Protein backbone atom coordinates (compact mmCIF):
# COMPACT_ATOMS: atom_id res chain seq x y z
CA MET A 1 134.30 75.64 145.98
CA LEU A 2 132.34 78.53 144.58
CA PHE A 3 132.16 78.52 140.89
CA THR A 4 129.02 80.18 139.00
CA LEU A 5 127.47 81.06 136.24
CA THR A 6 126.93 84.70 134.59
CA ASP A 7 123.07 85.54 133.23
CA ASP A 8 123.96 84.84 130.30
CA ALA A 9 125.68 82.41 130.59
CA CYS A 10 122.77 80.09 132.08
CA VAL A 11 120.44 80.81 129.63
CA ILE A 12 122.57 79.63 126.56
CA VAL A 13 123.58 76.63 128.67
CA LYS A 14 120.19 75.16 129.46
CA ALA A 15 118.74 76.51 125.38
CA ILE A 16 121.94 73.98 124.62
CA ALA A 17 121.09 70.65 127.29
CA ALA A 18 117.21 71.48 125.55
CA GLN A 19 118.90 71.02 122.14
CA THR A 20 120.99 68.46 123.11
CA ALA A 21 119.56 65.95 126.05
CA GLY A 22 115.81 65.83 123.97
CA GLY A 23 115.05 68.57 126.05
CA ARG A 24 115.58 66.40 128.94
CA GLU A 25 116.44 69.08 132.46
CA ALA A 26 119.05 66.45 133.18
CA GLY A 27 121.69 67.90 130.63
CA GLY A 28 123.91 70.29 130.55
CA ILE A 29 127.76 71.44 129.48
CA ARG A 30 130.28 68.88 130.36
CA VAL A 31 134.39 70.72 131.23
CA TYR A 32 136.97 68.83 130.94
CA ASP A 33 140.28 69.62 130.16
CA GLY A 34 141.49 70.97 126.87
CA SER A 35 144.65 70.46 127.00
CA ASP A 36 144.74 67.89 124.16
CA ARG A 37 142.70 70.58 122.03
CA GLY A 38 145.01 73.35 123.21
CA THR A 39 142.59 75.46 125.28
CA ASP A 40 142.76 74.98 129.04
CA PHE A 41 139.33 73.75 129.03
CA ALA A 42 137.12 71.74 126.62
CA LEU A 43 133.09 72.35 127.09
CA GLU A 44 130.86 69.81 125.13
CA PRO A 45 127.29 69.10 125.66
CA ALA A 46 125.99 65.89 127.77
CA ASP A 47 123.53 64.61 128.66
CA GLY A 48 124.43 64.08 132.12
CA PRO A 49 127.07 63.85 134.46
CA GLU A 50 130.38 61.01 133.79
CA SER A 51 131.00 59.10 137.32
CA GLY A 52 132.81 61.08 139.35
CA ASP A 53 131.81 64.92 137.78
CA VAL A 54 131.12 67.69 140.71
CA VAL A 55 127.58 68.29 139.66
CA LEU A 56 126.78 72.55 139.80
CA GLU A 57 123.77 74.18 139.41
CA GLN A 58 122.47 77.71 138.48
CA SER A 59 118.89 79.25 137.59
CA GLY A 60 118.03 75.72 136.49
CA ALA A 61 121.42 75.54 134.02
CA HIS A 62 123.60 72.59 134.70
CA ILE A 63 127.34 72.32 134.52
CA PHE A 64 129.36 68.57 135.53
CA LEU A 65 133.19 69.37 136.13
CA ALA A 66 135.71 66.35 135.60
CA PRO A 67 137.16 65.69 139.00
CA ASP A 68 140.31 66.74 137.03
CA VAL A 69 139.11 70.81 136.05
CA VAL A 70 137.65 70.86 140.01
CA ASP A 71 140.38 73.03 141.96
CA ASP A 72 141.63 74.88 138.53
CA LEU A 73 138.06 76.55 138.01
CA GLU A 74 137.74 77.36 141.21
CA ASP A 75 135.96 80.95 142.08
CA PHE A 76 135.23 81.28 138.17
CA VAL A 77 133.13 82.76 136.44
CA LEU A 78 131.94 80.75 133.32
CA GLU A 79 130.88 83.20 130.82
CA ALA A 80 128.92 82.72 126.83
CA SER A 81 128.09 84.21 124.05
CA VAL A 82 126.72 83.22 120.76
CA GLY A 83 128.36 84.39 118.27
CA PRO A 84 127.20 85.69 114.62
CA GLN A 85 127.60 81.83 112.53
CA GLY A 86 125.68 79.99 115.77
CA VAL A 87 128.90 79.27 117.48
CA VAL A 88 128.95 79.22 121.46
CA ASP A 89 131.74 81.03 123.39
CA PHE A 90 132.18 80.14 126.23
CA SER A 91 135.13 82.10 128.35
CA PHE A 92 136.30 82.04 132.28
CA GLY A 93 136.96 84.57 133.67
CA THR A 94 137.60 86.08 137.47
CA ASN A 95 135.31 89.04 138.04
CA GLY A 96 136.82 92.57 139.62
CA PRO A 97 136.50 95.90 139.28
CA GLN A 98 137.56 96.10 136.18
CA GLY A 99 135.32 93.14 135.02
CA MET A 100 136.41 89.82 133.72
CA THR A 101 140.20 88.69 134.17
CA ASP A 102 142.15 85.92 134.19
CA VAL A 103 140.43 84.79 131.19
CA ARG A 104 141.40 81.16 130.89
CA SER A 105 140.45 79.87 127.19
CA THR A 106 138.42 77.31 126.12
CA GLY A 107 136.71 75.52 123.01
CA HIS A 108 133.46 76.45 121.03
CA VAL A 109 130.17 74.88 121.37
CA HIS A 110 128.34 74.64 117.92
């Protein structure tokens, strides 16, 4: 499985973890099925992984993938940006010559 984060996503995930996990290095973002919320995937800050989660670390940023989304996110890249109201927008896609393609919808983290 090759799931990666952009540099911006690494910075934002680490900042969210520092705020929500009390600065503990084990904190990160958990990704799970978002179909009940009308999105492909849902994300939320987490103090650590839940049982069965696949734990990924990149440049100090931790992502916890629920078992039911691992195969769906194979070869995807997580992008993140902060909007004008401080809302973090996450998106998953594949990197190609034209930039991010096959973008999947996610929720937002405030």
